[in-house]
């Protein structure tokens, strides 16, 4: 499953579970939410909390991706530096081996 498909499914599941569990919780406990002395509809109250939860999930995902991304970047830099070191030390041997391979390889005849 691709990354974005998984992310979309996670956001959808978060919104759905927050809505279902939130509305059920508000109706089960008979809770009224007031804002400026007016009763807020349960759907509006839950939708706002669901959006906050989704934003928190996205922030956590960005932090996790940046940490793991930086670790992968450092590992690739180390591997690339080690490869360049090996090429820098053994370049005469690699040059001679390349020349020998070019001279001694089997040449296929060209058919007309």
PDB file of N, CA and C in Angstrom:
ATOM      1  N   UNK A   1       0.854  -1.170   0.000  1.00  0.00           N
ATOM      2  CA  UNK A   1       0.000   0.000   0.000  1.00  0.00           C
ATOM      3  C   UNK A   1       0.900   1.234   0.000  1.00  0.00           C
ATOM      4  N   UNK A   2       0.557   2.189  -0.850  1.00  0.00           N
ATOM      5  CA  UNK A   2       1.394   3.369  -0.967  1.00  0.00           C
ATOM      6  C   UNK A   2       1.265   4.257   0.267  1.00  0.00           C
ATOM      7  N   UNK A   3       2.218   5.140   0.394  1.00  0.00           N
ATOM      8  CA  UNK A   3       2.269   6.029   1.559  1.00  0.00           C
ATOM      9  C   UNK A   3       1.045   6.940   1.612  1.00  0.00           C
ATOM     10  N   UNK A   4       0.716   7.566   0.492  1.00  0.00           N
ATOM     11  CA  UNK A   4      -0.390   8.523   0.502  1.00  0.00           C
ATOM     12  C   UNK A   4      -1.741   7.827   0.678  1.00  0.00           C
ATOM     13  N   UNK A   5      -1.862   6.613   0.143  1.00  0.00           N
ATOM     14  CA  UNK A   5      -3.093   5.867   0.357  1.00  0.00           C
ATOM     15  C   UNK A   5      -3.246   5.523   1.837  1.00  0.00           C
ATOM     16  N   UNK A   6      -2.155   5.116   2.462  1.00  0.00           N
ATOM     17  CA  UNK A   6      -2.191   4.819   3.890  1.00  0.00           C
ATOM     18  C   UNK A   6      -2.497   6.067   4.707  1.00  0.00           C
ATOM     19  N   UNK A   7      -1.897   7.184   4.329  1.00  0.00           N
ATOM     20  CA  UNK A   7      -2.152   8.443   5.031  1.00  0.00           C
ATOM     21  C   UNK A   7      -3.615   8.854   4.890  1.00  0.00           C
ATOM     22  N   UNK A   8      -4.175   8.738   3.682  1.00  0.00           N
ATOM     23  CA  UNK A   8      -5.578   9.084   3.471  1.00  0.00           C
ATOM     24  C   UNK A   8      -6.490   8.186   4.300  1.00  0.00           C
ATOM     25  N   UNK A   9      -6.205   6.888   4.311  1.00  0.00           N
ATOM     26  CA  UNK A   9      -7.018   5.970   5.108  1.00  0.00           C
ATOM     27  C   UNK A   9      -6.908   6.269   6.600  1.00  0.00           C
ATOM     28  N   UNK A  10      -5.727   6.649   7.066  1.00  0.00           N
ATOM     29  CA  UNK A  10      -5.553   6.983   8.482  1.00  0.00           C
ATOM     30  C   UNK A  10      -6.338   8.243   8.844  1.00  0.00           C
ATOM     31  N   UNK A  11      -6.312   9.243   7.975  1.00  0.00           N
ATOM     32  CA  UNK A  11      -7.065  10.473   8.239  1.00  0.00           C
ATOM     33  C   UNK A  11      -8.565  10.184   8.220  1.00  0.00           C
ATOM     34  N   UNK A  12      -9.017   9.391   7.250  1.00  0.00           N
ATOM     35  CA  UNK A  12     -10.430   9.041   7.176  1.00  0.00           C
ATOM     36  C   UNK A  12     -10.868   8.260   8.417  1.00  0.00           C
ATOM     37  N   UNK A  13     -10.045   7.300   8.835  1.00  0.00           N
ATOM     38  CA  UNK A  13     -10.384   6.515  10.031  1.00  0.00           C
ATOM     39  C   UNK A  13     -10.418   7.401  11.268  1.00  0.00           C
ATOM     40  N   UNK A  14      -9.495   8.343  11.362  1.00  0.00           N
ATOM     41  CA  UNK A  14      -9.482   9.254  12.511  1.00  0.00           C
ATOM     42  C   UNK A  14     -10.745  10.108  12.544  1.00  0.00           C
ATOM     43  N   UNK A  15     -11.119  10.658  11.403  1.00  0.00           N
ATOM     44  CA  UNK A  15     -12.335  11.471  11.351  1.00  0.00           C
ATOM     45  C   UNK A  15     -13.578  10.640  11.672  1.00  0.00           C
ATOM     46  N   UNK A  16     -13.662   9.448  11.086  1.00  0.00           N
ATOM     47  CA  UNK A  16     -14.835   8.605  11.298  1.00  0.00           C
ATOM     48  C   UNK A  16     -14.957   8.166  12.754  1.00  0.00           C
ATOM     49  N   UNK A  17     -13.847   7.694  13.331  1.00  0.00           N
ATOM     50  CA  UNK A  17     -13.895   7.235  14.719  1.00  0.00           C
ATOM     51  C   UNK A  17     -14.169   8.387  15.682  1.00  0.00           C
ATOM     52  N   UNK A  18     -13.585   9.549  15.399  1.00  0.00           N
ATOM     53  CA  UNK A  18     -13.837  10.691  16.266  1.00  0.00           C
ATOM     54  C   UNK A  18     -15.298  11.098  16.196  1.00  0.00           C
ATOM     55  N   UNK A  19     -15.865  11.094  15.000  1.00  0.00           N
ATOM     56  CA  UNK A  19     -17.277  11.460  14.857  1.00  0.00           C
ATOM     57  C   UNK A  19     -18.180  10.438  15.554  1.00  0.00           C
ATOM     58  N   UNK A  20     -17.976   9.144  15.254  1.00  0.00           N
ATOM     59  CA  UNK A  20     -18.850   8.103  15.806  1.00  0.00           C
ATOM     60  C   UNK A  20     -18.732   8.031  17.326  1.00  0.00           C
ATOM     61  N   UNK A  21     -17.501   7.977  17.806  1.00  0.00           N
ATOM     62  CA  UNK A  21     -17.318   7.869  19.253  1.00  0.00           C
ATOM     63  C   UNK A  21     -17.697   9.167  19.965  1.00  0.00           C
ATOM     64  N   UNK A  22     -17.410  10.298  19.329  1.00  0.00           N
ATOM     65  CA  UNK A  22     -17.729  11.584  19.959  1.00  0.00           C
ATOM     66  C   UNK A  22     -19.216  11.826  20.070  1.00  0.00           C
ATOM     67  N   UNK A  23     -19.946  11.593  18.987  1.00  0.00           N
ATOM     68  CA  UNK A  23     -21.401  11.792  19.024  1.00  0.00           C
ATOM     69  C   UNK A  23     -22.036  10.792  19.983  1.00  0.00           C
ATOM     70  N   UNK A  24     -21.577   9.546  19.950  1.00  0.00           N
ATOM     71  CA  UNK A  24     -22.119   8.539  20.875  1.00  0.00           C
ATOM     72  C   UNK A  24     -21.851   8.929  22.318  1.00  0.00           C
ATOM     73  N   UNK A  25     -20.672   9.438  22.587  1.00  0.00           N
ATOM     74  CA  UNK A  25     -20.309   9.847  23.945  1.00  0.00           C
ATOM     75  C   UNK A  25     -21.172  11.013  24.410  1.00  0.00           C
ATOM     76  N   UNK A  26     -21.372  12.009  23.528  1.00  0.00           N
ATOM     77  CA  UNK A  26     -22.179  13.174  23.891  1.00  0.00           C
ATOM     78  C   UNK A  26     -23.640  12.770  24.118  1.00  0.00           C
ATOM     79  N   UNK A  27     -24.178  11.914  23.252  1.00  0.00           N
ATOM     80  CA  UNK A  27     -25.569  11.491  23.415  1.00  0.00           C
ATOM     81  C   UNK A  27     -25.741  10.559  24.604  1.00  0.00           C
ATOM     82  N   UNK A  28     -24.768   9.690  24.851  1.00  0.00           N
ATOM     83  CA  UNK A  28     -24.871   8.737  25.959  1.00  0.00           C
ATOM     84  C   UNK A  28     -24.859   9.450  27.306  1.00  0.00           C
ATOM     85  N   UNK A  29     -23.985  10.439  27.441  1.00  0.00           N
ATOM     86  CA  UNK A  29     -23.877  11.162  28.709  1.00  0.00           C
ATOM     87  C   UNK A  29     -24.794  12.379  28.770  1.00  0.00           C
ATOM     88  N   UNK A  30     -25.510  12.651  27.698  1.00  0.00           N
ATOM     89  CA  UNK A  30     -26.422  13.788  27.627  1.00  0.00           C
ATOM     90  C   UNK A  30     -25.699  15.092  27.995  1.00  0.00           C
ATOM     91  N   UNK A  31     -24.602  15.329  27.271  1.00  0.00           N
ATOM     92  CA  UNK A  31     -23.778  16.510  27.509  1.00  0.00           C
ATOM     93  C   UNK A  31     -24.178  17.591  26.510  1.00  0.00           C
ATOM     94  N   UNK A  32     -24.303  18.806  26.979  1.00  0.00           N
ATOM     95  CA  UNK A  32     -24.558  19.955  26.116  1.00  0.00           C
ATOM     96  C   UNK A  32     -23.320  20.843  26.121  1.00  0.00           C
ATOM     97  N   UNK A  33     -22.899  21.240  24.929  1.00  0.00           N
ATOM     98  CA  UNK A  33     -21.727  22.097  24.794  1.00  0.00           C
ATOM     99  C   UNK A  33     -22.211  23.488  24.433  1.00  0.00           C
ATOM    100  N   UNK A  34     -21.791  24.474  25.236  1.00  0.00           N
ATOM    101  CA  UNK A  34     -22.226  25.853  25.048  1.00  0.00           C
ATOM    102  C   UNK A  34     -21.071  26.705  24.540  1.00  0.00           C
ATOM    103  N   UNK A  35     -21.394  27.608  23.623  1.00  0.00           N
ATOM    104  CA  UNK A  35     -20.430  28.592  23.165  1.00  0.00           C
ATOM    105  C   UNK A  35     -21.173  29.913  23.058  1.00  0.00           C
ATOM    106  N   UNK A  36     -20.773  30.911  23.811  1.00  0.00           N
ATOM    107  CA  UNK A  36     -21.454  32.210  23.884  1.00  0.00           C
ATOM    108  C   UNK A  36     -22.925  32.042  24.256  1.00  0.00           C
ATOM    109  N   UNK A  37     -23.162  31.255  25.238  1.00  0.00           N
ATOM    110  CA  UNK A  37     -24.489  30.995  25.794  1.00  0.00           C
ATOM    111  C   UNK A  37     -25.460  30.390  24.778  1.00  0.00           C
ATOM    112  N   UNK A  38     -24.948  29.726  23.768  1.00  0.00           N
ATOM    113  CA  UNK A  38     -25.782  29.015  22.806  1.00  0.00           C
ATOM    114  C   UNK A  38     -25.310  27.564  22.753  1.00  0.00           C
ATOM    115  N   UNK A  39     -26.274  26.664  22.601  1.00  0.00           N
ATOM    116  CA  UNK A  39     -25.932  25.247  22.525  1.00  0.00           C
ATOM    117  C   UNK A  39     -25.325  24.957  21.156  1.00  0.00           C
ATOM    118  N   UNK A  40     -24.160  24.316  21.184  1.00  0.00           N
ATOM    119  CA  UNK A  40     -23.484  23.938  19.947  1.00  0.00           C
ATOM    120  C   UNK A  40     -23.978  22.553  19.547  1.00  0.00           C
ATOM    121  N   UNK A  41     -24.279  22.385  18.278  1.00  0.00           N
ATOM    122  CA  UNK A  41     -24.725  21.086  17.798  1.00  0.00           C
ATOM    123  C   UNK A  41     -23.605  20.064  17.984  1.00  0.00           C
ATOM    124  N   UNK A  42     -23.970  18.822  18.303  1.00  0.00           N
ATOM    125  CA  UNK A  42     -22.936  17.799  18.510  1.00  0.00           C
ATOM    126  C   UNK A  42     -22.045  17.598  17.291  1.00  0.00           C
ATOM    127  N   UNK A  43     -22.608  17.679  16.099  1.00  0.00           N
ATOM    128  CA  UNK A  43     -21.813  17.483  14.891  1.00  0.00           C
ATOM    129  C   UNK A  43     -20.747  18.564  14.749  1.00  0.00           C
ATOM    130  N   UNK A  44     -21.095  19.820  15.049  1.00  0.00           N
ATOM    131  CA  UNK A  44     -20.117  20.903  14.966  1.00  0.00           C
ATOM    132  C   UNK A  44     -19.038  20.741  16.027  1.00  0.00           C
ATOM    133  N   UNK A  45     -19.434  20.351  17.225  1.00  0.00           N
ATOM    134  CA  UNK A  45     -18.453  20.175  18.297  1.00  0.00           C
ATOM    135  C   UNK A  45     -17.478  19.051  17.974  1.00  0.00           C
ATOM    136  N   UNK A  46     -18.005  17.957  17.446  1.00  0.00           N
ATOM    137  CA  UNK A  46     -17.152  16.817  17.124  1.00  0.00           C
ATOM    138  C   UNK A  46     -16.308  17.089  15.886  1.00  0.00           C
ATOM    139  N   UNK A  47     -16.865  17.777  14.908  1.00  0.00           N
ATOM    140  CA  UNK A  47     -16.082  18.047  13.701  1.00  0.00           C
ATOM    141  C   UNK A  47     -14.885  18.930  14.003  1.00  0.00           C
ATOM    142  N   UNK A  48     -15.053  19.891  14.896  1.00  0.00           N
ATOM    143  CA  UNK A  48     -13.919  20.733  15.274  1.00  0.00           C
ATOM    144  C   UNK A  48     -12.836  19.909  15.967  1.00  0.00           C
ATOM    145  N   UNK A  49     -13.237  19.035  16.900  1.00  0.00           N
ATOM    146  CA  UNK A  49     -12.237  18.205  17.587  1.00  0.00           C
ATOM    147  C   UNK A  49     -11.590  17.218  16.625  1.00  0.00           C
ATOM    148  N   UNK A  50     -12.348  16.722  15.647  1.00  0.00           N
ATOM    149  CA  UNK A  50     -11.770  15.802  14.658  1.00  0.00           C
ATOM    150  C   UNK A  50     -10.721  16.512  13.811  1.00  0.00           C
ATOM    151  N   UNK A  51     -10.994  17.751  13.426  1.00  0.00           N
ATOM    152  CA  UNK A  51     -10.003  18.501  12.650  1.00  0.00           C
ATOM    153  C   UNK A  51      -8.740  18.770  13.464  1.00  0.00           C
ATOM    154  N   UNK A  52      -8.903  19.057  14.742  1.00  0.00           N
ATOM    155  CA  UNK A  52      -7.737  19.259  15.606  1.00  0.00           C
ATOM    156  C   UNK A  52      -6.921  17.968  15.698  1.00  0.00           C
ATOM    157  N   UNK A  53      -7.598  16.833  15.824  1.00  0.00           N
ATOM    158  CA  UNK A  53      -6.901  15.549  15.906  1.00  0.00           C
ATOM    159  C   UNK A  53      -6.153  15.260  14.606  1.00  0.00           C
ATOM    160  N   UNK A  54      -6.775  15.521  13.471  1.00  0.00           N
ATOM    161  CA  UNK A  54      -6.109  15.300  12.184  1.00  0.00           C
ATOM    162  C   UNK A  54      -4.891  16.201  12.047  1.00  0.00           C
ATOM    163  N   UNK A  55      -4.996  17.450  12.456  1.00  0.00           N
ATOM    164  CA  UNK A  55      -3.831  18.342  12.404  1.00  0.00           C
ATOM    165  C   UNK A  55      -2.704  17.844  13.298  1.00  0.00           C
ATOM    166  N   UNK A  56      -3.053  17.344  14.478  1.00  0.00           N
ATOM    167  CA  UNK A  56      -2.026  16.780  15.363  1.00  0.00           C
ATOM    168  C   UNK A  56      -1.370  15.545  14.754  1.00  0.00           C
ATOM    169  N   UNK A  57      -2.153  14.715  14.081  1.00  0.00           N
ATOM    170  CA  UNK A  57      -1.600  13.528  13.411  1.00  0.00           C
ATOM    171  C   UNK A  57      -0.648  13.954  12.299  1.00  0.00           C
ATOM    172  N   UNK A  58      -1.023  14.962  11.520  1.00  0.00           N
ATOM    173  CA  UNK A  58      -0.146  15.436  10.449  1.00  0.00           C
ATOM    174  C   UNK A  58       1.142  16.049  10.991  1.00  0.00           C
ATOM    175  N   UNK A  59       1.056  16.778  12.084  1.00  0.00           N
ATOM    176  CA  UNK A  59       2.259  17.341  12.700  1.00  0.00           C
ATOM    177  C   UNK A  59       3.169  16.221  13.205  1.00  0.00           C
ATOM    178  N   UNK A  60       2.586  15.205  13.840  1.00  0.00           N
ATOM    179  CA  UNK A  60       3.383  14.066  14.314  1.00  0.00           C
ATOM    180  C   UNK A  60       4.020  13.328  13.146  1.00  0.00           C
ATOM    181  N   UNK A  61       3.287  13.186  12.038  1.00  0.00           N
ATOM    182  CA  UNK A  61       3.838  12.532  10.854  1.00  0.00           C
ATOM    183  C   UNK A  61       4.999  13.339  10.281  1.00  0.00           C
ATOM    184  N   UNK A  62       4.862  14.649  10.236  1.00  0.00           N
ATOM    185  CA  UNK A  62       5.947  15.490   9.717  1.00  0.00           C
ATOM    186  C   UNK A  62       7.185  15.390  10.590  1.00  0.00           C
ATOM    187  N   UNK A  63       6.993  15.365  11.896  1.00  0.00           N
ATOM    188  CA  UNK A  63       8.141  15.237  12.800  1.00  0.00           C
ATOM    189  C   UNK A  63       8.814  13.886  12.624  1.00  0.00           C
ATOM    190  N   UNK A  64       8.009  12.826  12.558  1.00  0.00           N
ATOM    191  CA  UNK A  64       8.587  11.488  12.400  1.00  0.00           C
ATOM    192  C   UNK A  64       9.309  11.351  11.070  1.00  0.00           C
ATOM    193  N   UNK A  65       8.707  11.872  10.000  1.00  0.00           N
ATOM    194  CA  UNK A  65       9.348  11.775   8.692  1.00  0.00           C
ATOM    195  C   UNK A  65      10.633  12.596   8.644  1.00  0.00           C
ATOM    196  N   UNK A  66      10.663  13.736   9.313  1.00  0.00           N
ATOM    197  CA  UNK A  66      11.880  14.543   9.289  1.00  0.00           C
ATOM    198  C   UNK A  66      12.995  13.867  10.078  1.00  0.00           C
ATOM    199  N   UNK A  67      12.655  13.224  11.192  1.00  0.00           N
ATOM    200  CA  UNK A  67      13.685  12.530  11.982  1.00  0.00           C
ATOM    201  C   UNK A  67      14.223  11.340  11.200  1.00  0.00           C
ATOM    202  N   UNK A  68      13.312  10.491  10.688  1.00  0.00           N
ATOM    203  CA  UNK A  68      13.776   9.323   9.943  1.00  0.00           C
ATOM    204  C   UNK A  68      14.418   9.731   8.622  1.00  0.00           C
ATOM    205  N   UNK A  69      13.895  10.775   8.004  1.00  0.00           N
ATOM    206  CA  UNK A  69      14.487  11.256   6.767  1.00  0.00           C
ATOM    207  C   UNK A  69      15.902  11.765   6.979  1.00  0.00           C
ATOM    208  N   UNK A  70      16.130  12.469   8.076  1.00  0.00           N
ATOM    209  CA  UNK A  70      17.486  12.960   8.351  1.00  0.00           C
ATOM    210  C   UNK A  70      18.423  11.811   8.683  1.00  0.00           C
ATOM    211  N   UNK A  71      17.922  10.784   9.375  1.00  0.00           N
ATOM    212  CA  UNK A  71      18.762   9.618   9.653  1.00  0.00           C
ATOM    213  C   UNK A  71      19.139   8.884   8.361  1.00  0.00           C
ATOM    214  N   UNK A  72      18.179   8.733   7.466  1.00  0.00           N
ATOM    215  CA  UNK A  72      18.465   8.088   6.183  1.00  0.00           C
ATOM    216  C   UNK A  72      19.435   8.935   5.367  1.00  0.00           C
ATOM    217  N   UNK A  73      19.277  10.262   5.408  1.00  0.00           N
ATOM    218  CA  UNK A  73      20.175  11.155   4.673  1.00  0.00           C
ATOM    219  C   UNK A  73      21.607  11.041   5.195  1.00  0.00           C
ATOM    220  N   UNK A  74      21.779  11.007   6.507  1.00  0.00           N
ATOM    221  CA  UNK A  74      23.119  10.877   7.094  1.00  0.00           C
ATOM    222  C   UNK A  74      23.725   9.527   6.727  1.00  0.00           C
ATOM    223  N   UNK A  75      22.921   8.457   6.768  1.00  0.00           N
ATOM    224  CA  UNK A  75      23.431   7.131   6.395  1.00  0.00           C
ATOM    225  C   UNK A  75      23.870   7.108   4.932  1.00  0.00           C
ATOM    226  N   UNK A  76      23.085   7.758   4.053  1.00  0.00           N
ATOM    227  CA  UNK A  76      23.468   7.787   2.633  1.00  0.00           C
ATOM    228  C   UNK A  76      24.723   8.633   2.418  1.00  0.00           C
ATOM    229  N   UNK A  77      24.865   9.710   3.184  1.00  0.00           N
ATOM    230  CA  UNK A  77      26.089  10.508   3.085  1.00  0.00           C
ATOM    231  C   UNK A  77      27.317   9.698   3.508  1.00  0.00           C
ATOM    232  N   UNK A  78      27.180   8.936   4.584  1.00  0.00           N
ATOM    233  CA  UNK A  78      28.295   8.109   5.041  1.00  0.00           C
ATOM    234  C   UNK A  78      28.652   7.036   4.018  1.00  0.00           C
ATOM    235  N   UNK A  79      27.642   6.363   3.461  1.00  0.00           N
ATOM    236  CA  UNK A  79      27.909   5.344   2.449  1.00  0.00           C
ATOM    237  C   UNK A  79      28.526   5.951   1.195  1.00  0.00           C
ATOM    238  N   UNK A  80      28.025   7.115   0.775  1.00  0.00           N
ATOM    239  CA  UNK A  80      28.597   7.786  -0.387  1.00  0.00           C
ATOM    240  C   UNK A  80      30.035   8.233  -0.145  1.00  0.00           C
ATOM    241  N   UNK A  81      30.307   8.747   1.049  1.00  0.00           N
ATOM    242  CA  UNK A  81      31.678   9.135   1.385  1.00  0.00           C
ATOM    243  C   UNK A  81      32.619   7.944   1.411  1.00  0.00           C
ATOM    244  N   UNK A  82      32.133   6.820   1.945  1.00  0.00           N
ATOM    245  CA  UNK A  82      32.951   5.602   1.971  1.00  0.00           C
ATOM    246  C   UNK A  82      33.207   5.098   0.549  1.00  0.00           C
ATOM    247  N   UNK A  83      32.209   5.168  -0.328  1.00  0.00           N
ATOM    248  CA  UNK A  83      32.389   4.747  -1.717  1.00  0.00           C
ATOM    249  C   UNK A  83      33.386   5.661  -2.429  1.00  0.00           C
ATOM    250  N   UNK A  84      33.306   6.960  -2.202  1.00  0.00           N
ATOM    251  CA  UNK A  84      34.257   7.888  -2.818  1.00  0.00           C
ATOM    252  C   UNK A  84      35.679   7.661  -2.290  1.00  0.00           C
ATOM    253  N   UNK A  85      35.798   7.316  -1.008  1.00  0.00           N
ATOM    254  CA  UNK A  85      37.100   6.995  -0.447  1.00  0.00           C
ATOM    255  C   UNK A  85      37.695   5.767  -1.125  1.00  0.00           C
ATOM    256  N   UNK A  86      36.886   4.741  -1.321  1.00  0.00           N
ATOM    257  CA  UNK A  86      37.372   3.527  -1.984  1.00  0.00           C
ATOM    258  C   UNK A  86      37.774   3.813  -3.424  1.00  0.00           C
ATOM    259  N   UNK A  87      36.979   4.602  -4.138  1.00  0.00           N
ATOM    260  CA  UNK A  87      37.335   4.950  -5.513  1.00  0.00           C
ATOM    261  C   UNK A  87      38.607   5.794  -5.524  1.00  0.00           C
ATOM    262  N   UNK A  88      38.748   6.716  -4.586  1.00  0.00           N
ATOM    263  CA  UNK A  88      39.944   7.567  -4.528  1.00  0.00           C
ATOM    264  C   UNK A  88      41.209   6.786  -4.225  1.00  0.00           C
ATOM    265  N   UNK A  89      41.111   5.757  -3.405  1.00  0.00           N
ATOM    266  CA  UNK A  89      42.291   4.973  -3.039  1.00  0.00           C
ATOM    267  C   UNK A  89      42.651   3.976  -4.135  1.00  0.00           C
ATOM    268  N   UNK A  90      41.639   3.358  -4.735  1.00  0.00           N
ATOM    269  CA  UNK A  90      41.896   2.257  -5.662  1.00  0.00           C
ATOM    270  C   UNK A  90      41.678   2.636  -7.127  1.00  0.00           C
ATOM    271  N   UNK A  91      41.719   3.945  -7.475  1.00  0.00           N
ATOM    272  CA  UNK A  91      41.453   4.325  -8.852  1.00  0.00           C
ATOM    273  C   UNK A  91      42.478   3.787  -9.844  1.00  0.00           C
ATOM    274  N   UNK A  92      43.765   3.681  -9.517  1.00  0.00           N
ATOM    275  CA  UNK A  92      44.685   3.103 -10.515  1.00  0.00           C
ATOM    276  C   UNK A  92      44.359   1.631 -10.817  1.00  0.00           C
ATOM    277  N   UNK A  93      43.990   0.885  -9.781  1.00  0.00           N
ATOM    278  CA  UNK A  93      43.655  -0.526  -9.980  1.00  0.00           C
ATOM    279  C   UNK A  93      42.377  -0.634 -10.820  1.00  0.00           C
ATOM    280  N   UNK A  94      41.382   0.217 -10.525  1.00  0.00           N
ATOM    281  CA  UNK A  94      40.146   0.197 -11.294  1.00  0.00           C
ATOM    282  C   UNK A  94      40.386   0.609 -12.749  1.00  0.00           C
ATOM    283  N   UNK A  95      41.289   1.560 -12.991  1.00  0.00           N
ATOM    284  CA  UNK A  95      41.613   1.988 -14.348  1.00  0.00           C
ATOM    285  C   UNK A  95      42.273   0.863 -15.136  1.00  0.00           C
ATOM    286  N   UNK A  96      43.247   0.196 -14.537  1.00  0.00           N
ATOM    287  CA  UNK A  96      43.930  -0.919 -15.196  1.00  0.00           C
ATOM    288  C   UNK A  96      42.941  -2.058 -15.451  1.00  0.00           C
ATOM    289  N   UNK A  97      42.096  -2.373 -14.479  1.00  0.00           N
ATOM    290  CA  UNK A  97      41.116  -3.446 -14.656  1.00  0.00           C
ATOM    291  C   UNK A  97      40.140  -3.097 -15.782  1.00  0.00           C
ATOM    292  N   UNK A  98      39.718  -1.838 -15.896  1.00  0.00           N
ATOM    293  CA  UNK A  98      38.832  -1.428 -16.981  1.00  0.00           C
ATOM    294  C   UNK A  98      39.497  -1.548 -18.342  1.00  0.00           C
ATOM    295  N   UNK A  99      40.757  -1.157 -18.442  1.00  0.00           N
ATOM    296  CA  UNK A  99      41.480  -1.261 -19.719  1.00  0.00           C
ATOM    297  C   UNK A  99      41.632  -2.726 -20.101  1.00  0.00           C
ATOM    298  N   UNK A 100      42.012  -3.579 -19.149  1.00  0.00           N
ATOM    299  CA  UNK A 100      42.162  -5.016 -19.431  1.00  0.00           C
ATOM    300  C   UNK A 100      40.827  -5.609 -19.881  1.00  0.00           C
ATOM    301  N   UNK A 101      39.737  -5.221 -19.241  1.00  0.00           N
ATOM    302  CA  UNK A 101      38.420  -5.752 -19.620  1.00  0.00           C
ATOM    303  C   UNK A 101      38.040  -5.314 -21.028  1.00  0.00           C
ATOM    304  N   UNK A 102      38.328  -4.042 -21.380  1.00  0.00           N
ATOM    305  CA  UNK A 102      38.005  -3.559 -22.719  1.00  0.00           C
ATOM    306  C   UNK A 102      38.831  -4.258 -23.790  1.00  0.00           C
ATOM    307  N   UNK A 103      40.079  -4.585 -23.484  1.00  0.00           N
ATOM    308  CA  UNK A 103      40.955  -5.216 -24.473  1.00  0.00           C
ATOM    309  C   UNK A 103      40.626  -6.693 -24.640  1.00  0.00           C
ATOM    310  N   UNK A 104      40.303  -7.386 -23.560  1.00  0.00           N
ATOM    311  CA  UNK A 104      40.153  -8.837 -23.619  1.00  0.00           C
ATOM    312  C   UNK A 104      38.721  -9.335 -23.754  1.00  0.00           C
ATOM    313  N   UNK A 105      37.738  -8.497 -23.818  1.00  0.00           N
ATOM    314  CA  UNK A 105      36.357  -8.974 -23.920  1.00  0.00           C
ATOM    315  C   UNK A 105      36.108  -9.585 -25.294  1.00  0.00           C
ATOM    316  N   UNK A 106      35.142 -10.499 -25.321  1.00  0.00           N
ATOM    317  CA  UNK A 106      34.796 -11.166 -26.571  1.00  0.00           C
ATOM    318  C   UNK A 106      33.997 -10.219 -27.460  1.00  0.00           C
ATOM    319  N   UNK A 107      34.481 -10.058 -28.648  1.00  0.00           N
ATOM    320  CA  UNK A 107      33.775  -9.197 -29.591  1.00  0.00           C
ATOM    321  C   UNK A 107      32.847 -10.062 -30.429  1.00  0.00           C
ATOM    322  N   UNK A 108      31.587  -9.693 -30.472  1.00  0.00           N
ATOM    323  CA  UNK A 108      30.596 -10.452 -31.232  1.00  0.00           C
ATOM    324  C   UNK A 108      30.677 -10.006 -32.694  1.00  0.00           C
ATOM    325  N   UNK A 109      30.659 -10.974 -33.602  1.00  0.00           N
ATOM    326  CA  UNK A 109      30.692 -10.584 -35.017  1.00  0.00           C
ATOM    327  C   UNK A 109      29.367  -9.950 -35.433  1.00  0.00           C
ATOM    328  N   UNK A 110      29.455  -8.994 -36.310  1.00  0.00           N
ATOM    329  CA  UNK A 110      28.273  -8.294 -36.790  1.00  0.00           C
ATOM    330  C   UNK A 110      27.736  -9.058 -38.002  1.00  0.00           C
ATOM    331  N   UNK A 111      26.469  -9.465 -37.948  1.00  0.00           N
ATOM    332  CA  UNK A 111      25.849 -10.179 -39.058  1.00  0.00           C
ATOM    333  C   UNK A 111      25.056  -9.215 -39.901  1.00  0.00           C
ATOM    334  N   UNK A 112      25.297  -9.276 -41.204  1.00  0.00           N
ATOM    335  CA  UNK A 112      24.576  -8.389 -42.122  1.00  0.00           C
ATOM    336  C   UNK A 112      23.394  -9.069 -42.741  1.00  0.00           C
TER     337      UNK A 112
END
